[in-house]
Amino acid sequence: DIRILLIEIREKNMVHVDKTILNKLISEIGNDSVNLRNRWMSKTELDTKIVLKHINKVSNVLSDISGNLKNKKL
């Protein structure tokens, strides 16, 4: 679950990431998950543009984190 991963990244403070951005992404992904479940149960259409926008944001943040980890001296 990407939301759980983002929460762990925020709480463990292993890399430098703006917590405001993480909190917003965590909230957006949580809302998307609820909306997806609700739409599925009611058989209505989901606004995929919004979901894809949030997924792209998460992808960018995870890419930045990956770059930070690769550059970090272990």
PDB file of N, CA and C in Angstrom:
ATOM      1  N   ASP A   1       0.842  -1.187   0.000  1.00  0.00           N
ATOM      2  CA  ASP A   1       0.000   0.000   0.000  1.00  0.00           C
ATOM      3  C   ASP A   1       0.883   1.244   0.000  1.00  0.00           C
ATOM      4  N   ILE A   2       0.733   2.060  -1.001  1.00  0.00           N
ATOM      5  CA  ILE A   2       1.567   3.254  -1.149  1.00  0.00           C
ATOM      6  C   ILE A   2       1.355   4.237  -0.009  1.00  0.00           C
ATOM      7  N   ARG A   3       0.149   4.298   0.491  1.00  0.00           N
ATOM      8  CA  ARG A   3      -0.149   5.211   1.607  1.00  0.00           C
ATOM      9  C   ARG A   3       0.656   4.833   2.845  1.00  0.00           C
ATOM     10  N   ILE A   4       0.733   3.543   3.148  1.00  0.00           N
ATOM     11  CA  ILE A   4       1.502   3.065   4.296  1.00  0.00           C
ATOM     12  C   ILE A   4       2.985   3.369   4.108  1.00  0.00           C
ATOM     13  N   LEU A   5       3.481   3.177   2.883  1.00  0.00           N
ATOM     14  CA  LEU A   5       4.879   3.492   2.589  1.00  0.00           C
ATOM     15  C   LEU A   5       5.173   4.971   2.831  1.00  0.00           C
ATOM     16  N   LEU A   6       4.297   5.841   2.368  1.00  0.00           N
ATOM     17  CA  LEU A   6       4.489   7.276   2.572  1.00  0.00           C
ATOM     18  C   LEU A   6       4.471   7.641   4.055  1.00  0.00           C
ATOM     19  N   ILE A   7       3.600   7.011   4.814  1.00  0.00           N
ATOM     20  CA  ILE A   7       3.538   7.255   6.261  1.00  0.00           C
ATOM     21  C   ILE A   7       4.846   6.829   6.917  1.00  0.00           C
ATOM     22  N   GLU A   8       5.372   5.668   6.539  1.00  0.00           N
ATOM     23  CA  GLU A   8       6.641   5.193   7.102  1.00  0.00           C
ATOM     24  C   GLU A   8       7.786   6.133   6.748  1.00  0.00           C
ATOM     25  N   ILE A   9       7.825   6.598   5.517  1.00  0.00           N
ATOM     26  CA  ILE A   9       8.871   7.534   5.098  1.00  0.00           C
ATOM     27  C   ILE A   9       8.803   8.795   5.946  1.00  0.00           C
ATOM     28  N   ARG A  10       7.604   9.288   6.157  1.00  0.00           N
ATOM     29  CA  ARG A  10       7.417  10.504   6.963  1.00  0.00           C
ATOM     30  C   ARG A  10       7.848  10.286   8.405  1.00  0.00           C
ATOM     31  N   GLU A  11       7.457   9.152   8.997  1.00  0.00           N
ATOM     32  CA  GLU A  11       7.701   8.927  10.418  1.00  0.00           C
ATOM     33  C   GLU A  11       9.132   8.518  10.739  1.00  0.00           C
ATOM     34  N   LYS A  12       9.797   7.824   9.820  1.00  0.00           N
ATOM     35  CA  LYS A  12      11.155   7.350  10.100  1.00  0.00           C
ATOM     36  C   LYS A  12      12.225   8.391   9.794  1.00  0.00           C
ATOM     37  N   ASN A  13      11.851   9.437   9.061  1.00  0.00           N
ATOM     38  CA  ASN A  13      12.781  10.540   8.789  1.00  0.00           C
ATOM     39  C   ASN A  13      14.125  10.075   8.235  1.00  0.00           C
ATOM     40  N   MET A  14      14.125   9.068   7.382  1.00  0.00           N
ATOM     41  CA  MET A  14      15.370   8.527   6.845  1.00  0.00           C
ATOM     42  C   MET A  14      15.950   9.403   5.740  1.00  0.00           C
ATOM     43  N   VAL A  15      15.119  10.110   5.036  1.00  0.00           N
ATOM     44  CA  VAL A  15      15.563  10.997   3.964  1.00  0.00           C
ATOM     45  C   VAL A  15      14.881  12.343   4.137  1.00  0.00           C
ATOM     46  N   HIS A  16      15.487  13.357   3.537  1.00  0.00           N
ATOM     47  CA  HIS A  16      14.910  14.691   3.635  1.00  0.00           C
ATOM     48  C   HIS A  16      13.786  14.846   2.604  1.00  0.00           C
ATOM     49  N   VAL A  17      12.567  14.905   3.120  1.00  0.00           N
ATOM     50  CA  VAL A  17      11.389  15.121   2.283  1.00  0.00           C
ATOM     51  C   VAL A  17      10.486  16.089   3.039  1.00  0.00           C
ATOM     52  N   ASP A  18       9.943  17.029   2.332  1.00  0.00           N
ATOM     53  CA  ASP A  18       9.044  18.005   2.940  1.00  0.00           C
ATOM     54  C   ASP A  18       7.820  17.284   3.500  1.00  0.00           C
ATOM     55  N   LYS A  19       7.638  17.354   4.807  1.00  0.00           N
ATOM     56  CA  LYS A  19       6.524  16.646   5.446  1.00  0.00           C
ATOM     57  C   LYS A  19       5.168  17.192   5.021  1.00  0.00           C
ATOM     58  N   THR A  20       5.119  18.456   4.642  1.00  0.00           N
ATOM     59  CA  THR A  20       3.867  19.030   4.159  1.00  0.00           C
ATOM     60  C   THR A  20       3.434  18.329   2.882  1.00  0.00           C
ATOM     61  N   ILE A  21       4.403  18.092   1.994  1.00  0.00           N
ATOM     62  CA  ILE A  21       4.109  17.390   0.743  1.00  0.00           C
ATOM     63  C   ILE A  21       3.673  15.965   1.039  1.00  0.00           C
ATOM     64  N   LEU A  22       4.400  15.281   1.937  1.00  0.00           N
ATOM     65  CA  LEU A  22       4.025  13.904   2.278  1.00  0.00           C
ATOM     66  C   LEU A  22       2.632  13.839   2.880  1.00  0.00           C
ATOM     67  N   ASN A  23       2.326  14.752   3.795  1.00  0.00           N
ATOM     68  CA  ASN A  23       0.995  14.755   4.418  1.00  0.00           C
ATOM     69  C   ASN A  23      -0.100  14.947   3.382  1.00  0.00           C
ATOM     70  N   LYS A  24       0.144  15.841   2.426  1.00  0.00           N
ATOM     71  CA  LYS A  24      -0.852  16.079   1.385  1.00  0.00           C
ATOM     72  C   LYS A  24      -1.035  14.829   0.517  1.00  0.00           C
ATOM     73  N   LEU A  25       0.081  14.198   0.135  1.00  0.00           N
ATOM     74  CA  LEU A  25      -0.006  12.985  -0.675  1.00  0.00           C
ATOM     75  C   LEU A  25      -0.715  11.861   0.074  1.00  0.00           C
ATOM     76  N   ILE A  26      -0.400  11.702   1.348  1.00  0.00           N
ATOM     77  CA  ILE A  26      -1.042  10.670   2.164  1.00  0.00           C
ATOM     78  C   ILE A  26      -2.554  10.893   2.187  1.00  0.00           C
ATOM     79  N   SER A  27      -2.955  12.136   2.365  1.00  0.00           N
ATOM     80  CA  SER A  27      -4.378  12.476   2.382  1.00  0.00           C
ATOM     81  C   SER A  27      -5.031  12.225   1.023  1.00  0.00           C
ATOM     82  N   GLU A  28      -4.360  12.660  -0.044  1.00  0.00           N
ATOM     83  CA  GLU A  28      -4.928  12.490  -1.387  1.00  0.00           C
ATOM     84  C   GLU A  28      -5.073  11.013  -1.750  1.00  0.00           C
ATOM     85  N   ILE A  29      -4.059  10.223  -1.455  1.00  0.00           N
ATOM     86  CA  ILE A  29      -4.120   8.797  -1.771  1.00  0.00           C
ATOM     87  C   ILE A  29      -5.200   8.115  -0.933  1.00  0.00           C
ATOM     88  N   GLY A  30      -5.331   8.514   0.325  1.00  0.00           N
ATOM     89  CA  GLY A  30      -6.398   7.974   1.170  1.00  0.00           C
ATOM     90  C   GLY A  30      -7.773   8.296   0.612  1.00  0.00           C
ATOM     91  N   ASN A  31      -7.954   9.537   0.185  1.00  0.00           N
ATOM     92  CA  ASN A  31      -9.232   9.947  -0.413  1.00  0.00           C
ATOM     93  C   ASN A  31      -9.503   9.197  -1.711  1.00  0.00           C
ATOM     94  N   ASP A  32      -8.456   9.027  -2.529  1.00  0.00           N
ATOM     95  CA  ASP A  32      -8.620   8.279  -3.776  1.00  0.00           C
ATOM     96  C   ASP A  32      -9.062   6.848  -3.504  1.00  0.00           C
ATOM     97  N   SER A  33      -8.481   6.251  -2.501  1.00  0.00           N
ATOM     98  CA  SER A  33      -8.818   4.872  -2.146  1.00  0.00           C
ATOM     99  C   SER A  33     -10.287   4.757  -1.723  1.00  0.00           C
ATOM    100  N   VAL A  34     -10.724   5.685  -0.891  1.00  0.00           N
ATOM    101  CA  VAL A  34     -12.127   5.704  -0.452  1.00  0.00           C
ATOM    102  C   VAL A  34     -13.050   5.939  -1.645  1.00  0.00           C
ATOM    103  N   ASN A  35     -12.701   6.909  -2.482  1.00  0.00           N
ATOM    104  CA  ASN A  35     -13.528   7.205  -3.655  1.00  0.00           C
ATOM    105  C   ASN A  35     -13.597   6.014  -4.605  1.00  0.00           C
ATOM    106  N   LEU A  36     -12.475   5.353  -4.798  1.00  0.00           N
ATOM    107  CA  LEU A  36     -12.441   4.186  -5.672  1.00  0.00           C
ATOM    108  C   LEU A  36     -13.365   3.089  -5.149  1.00  0.00           C
ATOM    109  N   ARG A  37     -13.289   2.829  -3.849  1.00  0.00           N
ATOM    110  CA  ARG A  37     -14.156   1.811  -3.245  1.00  0.00           C
ATOM    111  C   ARG A  37     -15.626   2.212  -3.348  1.00  0.00           C
ATOM    112  N   ASN A  38     -15.938   3.470  -3.072  1.00  0.00           N
ATOM    113  CA  ASN A  38     -17.323   3.939  -3.148  1.00  0.00           C
ATOM    114  C   ASN A  38     -17.865   3.869  -4.572  1.00  0.00           C
ATOM    115  N   ARG A  39     -17.046   4.264  -5.524  1.00  0.00           N
ATOM    116  CA  ARG A  39     -17.478   4.227  -6.929  1.00  0.00           C
ATOM    117  C   ARG A  39     -17.702   2.786  -7.383  1.00  0.00           C
ATOM    118  N   TRP A  40     -16.815   1.913  -6.952  1.00  0.00           N
ATOM    119  CA  TRP A  40     -16.932   0.502  -7.325  1.00  0.00           C
ATOM    120  C   TRP A  40     -18.229  -0.093  -6.764  1.00  0.00           C
ATOM    121  N   MET A  41     -18.538   0.243  -5.508  1.00  0.00           N
ATOM    122  CA  MET A  41     -19.734  -0.312  -4.870  1.00  0.00           C
ATOM    123  C   MET A  41     -21.010   0.273  -5.470  1.00  0.00           C
ATOM    124  N   SER A  42     -20.967   1.536  -5.871  1.00  0.00           N
ATOM    125  CA  SER A  42     -22.174   2.162  -6.417  1.00  0.00           C
ATOM    126  C   SER A  42     -22.218   2.077  -7.946  1.00  0.00           C
ATOM    127  N   LYS A  43     -21.174   1.500  -8.532  1.00  0.00           N
ATOM    128  CA  LYS A  43     -21.084   1.310  -9.977  1.00  0.00           C
ATOM    129  C   LYS A  43     -21.204   2.619 -10.759  1.00  0.00           C
ATOM    130  N   THR A  44     -20.652   3.692 -10.169  1.00  0.00           N
ATOM    131  CA  THR A  44     -20.607   4.968 -10.875  1.00  0.00           C
ATOM    132  C   THR A  44     -19.193   5.203 -11.402  1.00  0.00           C
ATOM    133  N   GLU A  45     -19.045   6.241 -12.197  1.00  0.00           N
ATOM    134  CA  GLU A  45     -17.766   6.512 -12.842  1.00  0.00           C
ATOM    135  C   GLU A  45     -16.820   7.261 -11.901  1.00  0.00           C
ATOM    136  N   LEU A  46     -15.545   6.891 -11.959  1.00  0.00           N
ATOM    137  CA  LEU A  46     -14.504   7.517 -11.155  1.00  0.00           C
ATOM    138  C   LEU A  46     -13.801   8.587 -11.996  1.00  0.00           C
ATOM    139  N   ASP A  47     -13.451   9.706 -11.375  1.00  0.00           N
ATOM    140  CA  ASP A  47     -12.704  10.749 -12.083  1.00  0.00           C
ATOM    141  C   ASP A  47     -11.239  10.327 -12.147  1.00  0.00           C
ATOM    142  N   THR A  48     -10.894   9.611 -13.194  1.00  0.00           N
ATOM    143  CA  THR A  48      -9.550   9.041 -13.314  1.00  0.00           C
ATOM    144  C   THR A  48      -8.478  10.114 -13.467  1.00  0.00           C
ATOM    145  N   LYS A  49      -8.827  11.285 -13.977  1.00  0.00           N
ATOM    146  CA  LYS A  49      -7.836  12.359 -14.122  1.00  0.00           C
ATOM    147  C   LYS A  49      -7.259  12.759 -12.772  1.00  0.00           C
ATOM    148  N   ILE A  50      -8.111  12.849 -11.770  1.00  0.00           N
ATOM    149  CA  ILE A  50      -7.657  13.230 -10.434  1.00  0.00           C
ATOM    150  C   ILE A  50      -6.784  12.124  -9.845  1.00  0.00           C
ATOM    151  N   VAL A  51      -7.215  10.887  -9.958  1.00  0.00           N
ATOM    152  CA  VAL A  51      -6.443   9.763  -9.425  1.00  0.00           C
ATOM    153  C   VAL A  51      -5.072   9.695 -10.092  1.00  0.00           C
ATOM    154  N   LEU A  52      -5.030   9.828 -11.407  1.00  0.00           N
ATOM    155  CA  LEU A  52      -3.754   9.786 -12.122  1.00  0.00           C
ATOM    156  C   LEU A  52      -2.852  10.955 -11.735  1.00  0.00           C
ATOM    157  N   LYS A  53      -3.436  12.105 -11.495  1.00  0.00           N
ATOM    158  CA  LYS A  53      -2.660  13.270 -11.047  1.00  0.00           C
ATOM    159  C   LYS A  53      -1.983  12.965  -9.718  1.00  0.00           C
ATOM    160  N   HIS A  54      -2.716  12.365  -8.789  1.00  0.00           N
ATOM    161  CA  HIS A  54      -2.152  12.026  -7.486  1.00  0.00           C
ATOM    162  C   HIS A  54      -1.075  10.948  -7.611  1.00  0.00           C
ATOM    163  N   ILE A  55      -1.307   9.968  -8.460  1.00  0.00           N
ATOM    164  CA  ILE A  55      -0.312   8.916  -8.672  1.00  0.00           C
ATOM    165  C   ILE A  55       0.974   9.506  -9.248  1.00  0.00           C
ATOM    166  N   ASN A  56       0.850  10.442 -10.163  1.00  0.00           N
ATOM    167  CA  ASN A  56       2.029  11.095 -10.727  1.00  0.00           C
ATOM    168  C   ASN A  56       2.804  11.879  -9.675  1.00  0.00           C
ATOM    169  N   LYS A  57       2.092  12.548  -8.769  1.00  0.00           N
ATOM    170  CA  LYS A  57       2.755  13.276  -7.686  1.00  0.00           C
ATOM    171  C   LYS A  57       3.537  12.307  -6.798  1.00  0.00           C
ATOM    172  N   VAL A  58       2.897  11.196  -6.444  1.00  0.00           N
ATOM    173  CA  VAL A  58       3.559  10.191  -5.611  1.00  0.00           C
ATOM    174  C   VAL A  58       4.794   9.649  -6.327  1.00  0.00           C
ATOM    175  N   SER A  59       4.662   9.383  -7.594  1.00  0.00           N
ATOM    176  CA  SER A  59       5.777   8.876  -8.384  1.00  0.00           C
ATOM    177  C   SER A  59       6.962   9.837  -8.345  1.00  0.00           C
ATOM    178  N   ASN A  60       6.696  11.126  -8.485  1.00  0.00           N
ATOM    179  CA  ASN A  60       7.766  12.123  -8.445  1.00  0.00           C
ATOM    180  C   ASN A  60       8.460  12.160  -7.086  1.00  0.00           C
ATOM    181  N   VAL A  61       7.675  12.109  -6.021  1.00  0.00           N
ATOM    182  CA  VAL A  61       8.250  12.139  -4.671  1.00  0.00           C
ATOM    183  C   VAL A  61       9.089  10.880  -4.427  1.00  0.00           C
ATOM    184  N   LEU A  62       8.574   9.719  -4.820  1.00  0.00           N
ATOM    185  CA  LEU A  62       9.326   8.481  -4.633  1.00  0.00           C
ATOM    186  C   LEU A  62      10.599   8.475  -5.466  1.00  0.00           C
ATOM    187  N   SER A  63      10.561   9.062  -6.632  1.00  0.00           N
ATOM    188  CA  SER A  63      11.753   9.179  -7.467  1.00  0.00           C
ATOM    189  C   SER A  63      12.798  10.053  -6.780  1.00  0.00           C
ATOM    190  N   ASP A  64      12.372  11.168  -6.199  1.00  0.00           N
ATOM    191  CA  ASP A  64      13.287  12.030  -5.454  1.00  0.00           C
ATOM    192  C   ASP A  64      13.890  11.295  -4.261  1.00  0.00           C
ATOM    193  N   ILE A  65      13.069  10.554  -3.549  1.00  0.00           N
ATOM    194  CA  ILE A  65      13.544   9.790  -2.393  1.00  0.00           C
ATOM    195  C   ILE A  65      14.562   8.747  -2.835  1.00  0.00           C
ATOM    196  N   SER A  66      14.277   8.071  -3.929  1.00  0.00           N
ATOM    197  CA  SER A  66      15.197   7.075  -4.463  1.00  0.00           C
ATOM    198  C   SER A  66      16.544   7.712  -4.803  1.00  0.00           C
ATOM    199  N   GLY A  67      16.516   8.866  -5.434  1.00  0.00           N
ATOM    200  CA  GLY A  67      17.759   9.573  -5.754  1.00  0.00           C
ATOM    201  C   GLY A  67      18.521   9.971  -4.507  1.00  0.00           C
ATOM    202  N   ASN A  68      17.795  10.429  -3.485  1.00  0.00           N
ATOM    203  CA  ASN A  68      18.437  10.790  -2.218  1.00  0.00           C
ATOM    204  C   ASN A  68      19.099   9.587  -1.569  1.00  0.00           C
ATOM    205  N   LEU A  69      18.421   8.445  -1.610  1.00  0.00           N
ATOM    206  CA  LEU A  69      18.975   7.232  -1.005  1.00  0.00           C
ATOM    207  C   LEU A  69      20.214   6.756  -1.751  1.00  0.00           C
ATOM    208  N   LYS A  70      20.204   6.865  -3.065  1.00  0.00           N
ATOM    209  CA  LYS A  70      21.356   6.438  -3.859  1.00  0.00           C
ATOM    210  C   LYS A  70      22.559   7.314  -3.588  1.00  0.00           C
ATOM    211  N   ASN A  71      22.322   8.600  -3.328  1.00  0.00           N
ATOM    212  CA  ASN A  71      23.414   9.533  -3.079  1.00  0.00           C
ATOM    213  C   ASN A  71      23.878   9.539  -1.626  1.00  0.00           C
ATOM    214  N   LYS A  72      23.097   8.925  -0.748  1.00  0.00           N
ATOM    215  CA  LYS A  72      23.400   8.929   0.676  1.00  0.00           C
ATOM    216  C   LYS A  72      24.553   7.959   0.949  1.00  0.00           C
ATOM    217  N   LYS A  73      25.498   8.387   1.727  1.00  0.00           N
ATOM    218  CA  LYS A  73      26.616   7.523   2.115  1.00  0.00           C
ATOM    219  C   LYS A  73      26.146   6.590   3.217  1.00  0.00           C
ATOM    220  N   LEU A  74      26.208   5.291   2.949  1.00  0.00           N
ATOM    221  CA  LEU A  74      25.774   4.310   3.957  1.00  0.00           C
ATOM    222  C   LEU A  74      26.970   3.696   4.628  1.00  0.00           C
TER     223      LEU A  74
END
